[in-house]
Protein backbone atom coordinates (compact mmCIF):
# COMPACT_ATOMS: atom_id res chain seq x y z
CA MET A 1 260.58 300.39 243.90
CA LYS A 2 260.17 300.75 247.90
CA ALA A 3 262.62 302.66 249.75
CA ALA A 4 265.31 301.02 252.16
CA ILE A 5 263.48 297.48 251.87
CA HIS A 6 267.11 296.65 250.44
CA PRO A 7 270.31 295.42 251.92
CA ASP A 8 273.48 297.94 252.35
CA TYR A 9 275.53 296.95 250.08
CA HIS A 10 279.23 298.80 250.92
CA GLU A 11 282.72 297.92 250.70
CA ILE A 12 284.65 295.19 252.95
CA THR A 13 288.48 294.08 253.11
CA VAL A 14 289.22 290.42 252.57
CA VAL A 15 291.66 288.68 253.94
CA MET A 16 293.30 285.36 253.63
CA THR A 17 295.30 283.22 255.22
CA ASP A 18 298.49 284.18 253.63
CA GLY A 19 297.64 287.70 254.70
CA THR A 20 297.29 289.29 251.17
CA GLU A 21 293.86 291.24 251.14
CA TYR A 22 291.38 292.91 248.38
CA THR A 23 288.48 294.80 248.85
CA THR A 24 285.02 294.29 247.43
CA ARG A 25 281.18 294.75 247.93
CA THR A 26 279.03 292.83 250.27
CA THR A 27 276.20 293.02 252.28
CA TRP A 28 278.01 291.46 255.06
CA GLY A 29 279.15 293.74 258.17
CA LYS A 30 279.22 297.32 258.12
CA PRO A 31 281.39 299.43 256.16
CA GLY A 32 285.14 298.96 256.45
CA ASP A 33 284.65 296.02 258.42
CA THR A 34 287.57 292.95 257.33
CA MET A 35 286.66 289.42 256.67
CA ARG A 36 289.38 287.09 258.06
CA LEU A 37 289.18 283.26 256.16
CA ASP A 38 289.50 280.51 257.98
CA ILE A 39 289.90 278.32 254.73
CA ASP A 40 290.18 279.78 251.26
CA CYS A 41 291.49 278.25 247.79
CA LEU A 42 295.41 278.25 248.76
CA SER A 43 294.69 276.22 252.88
CA HIS A 44 292.16 274.05 251.61
CA PRO A 45 292.82 270.33 250.50
CA ALA A 46 290.30 270.17 247.40
CA TRP A 47 292.49 273.09 245.84
CA LYS A 48 296.05 271.96 247.46
CA GLY A 49 296.08 268.13 247.20
CA GLY A 50 294.17 267.66 244.41
CA ILE A 51 293.44 263.65 243.86
CA ALA A 52 296.82 262.70 244.96
CA LYS A 53 294.79 263.55 248.75
CA ILE A 54 292.59 261.43 247.51
CA THR A 55 294.34 258.53 245.78
CA GLU A 56 296.76 258.63 248.79
CA LYS A 57 294.14 257.87 251.24
CA GLY A 58 292.47 255.37 249.23
CA GLN A 59 289.54 256.78 248.61
CA LEU A 60 289.41 256.29 244.71
CA SER A 61 290.03 252.57 245.63
CA LYS A 62 286.69 252.25 247.80
CA PHE A 63 284.76 254.24 245.63
CA GLU A 64 285.46 251.84 242.95
CA LYS A 65 284.70 248.88 244.80
CA ARG A 66 281.55 250.24 245.41
CA PHE A 67 280.47 251.60 242.73
CA GLY A 68 282.97 250.32 240.10
CA SER A 69 285.16 251.96 237.78
CA PHE A 70 282.73 253.67 235.46
CA LEU A 71 284.01 257.20 236.23
CA SER A 72 287.46 256.30 235.85
CA ALA A 73 287.06 253.90 232.51
CA GLY A 74 290.30 254.82 230.47
CA VAL A 75 291.86 257.53 233.83
CA GLU A 76 295.23 256.00 234.77
CA THR A 77 295.82 257.75 238.26
CA ALA A 78 299.13 257.53 240.62
CA GLY A 79 298.07 255.21 242.66
CA ARG A 80 297.10 252.70 240.45
CA GLN A 81 299.72 252.89 237.88
CA GLU A 82 302.19 251.63 241.23
CA GLU A 83 299.40 248.99 241.99
CA LYS A 84 299.98 247.88 238.44
CA GLN A 85 303.50 247.48 239.40
CA GLU A 86 303.99 246.07 242.53
CA LYS A 87 301.45 243.62 240.69
CA LYS A 88 303.92 242.78 238.00
CA ALA A 89 306.39 242.65 240.03
CA GLU A 90 305.23 240.14 242.76
CA ASP A 91 304.34 238.07 239.29
CA SER A 92 307.33 237.47 237.86
CA LYS A 93 308.99 236.78 241.19
C-alpha cells in the first residue's frame, strides 16, 4: 500500500439541532472540529410530520390524480377517511 495517499481519519464532534452532541470519526474537517447540523432527524419534516404533512398539503391526492392509486391500494389515510365522511354527510342531507 502506498504511503500518504489516504485521507486523515480523525474524531470530530457533531452537534444536532437540539444541542445534543456526539463524537464520530470522519475525513471531514480537522481533528477536533465541530460540525453543527442545520437539518437533522429532529427538525426535518420527513421525520417530524410523516404522512400527515403530505396528506395535509394534498400531495397524496395530487399524486393519485396523476398516477392512480396503485401505491395506496387498500391503505386508508387520515385525509381520505375524512373525505369519505364528508361525502357521506353531504349525501345524507
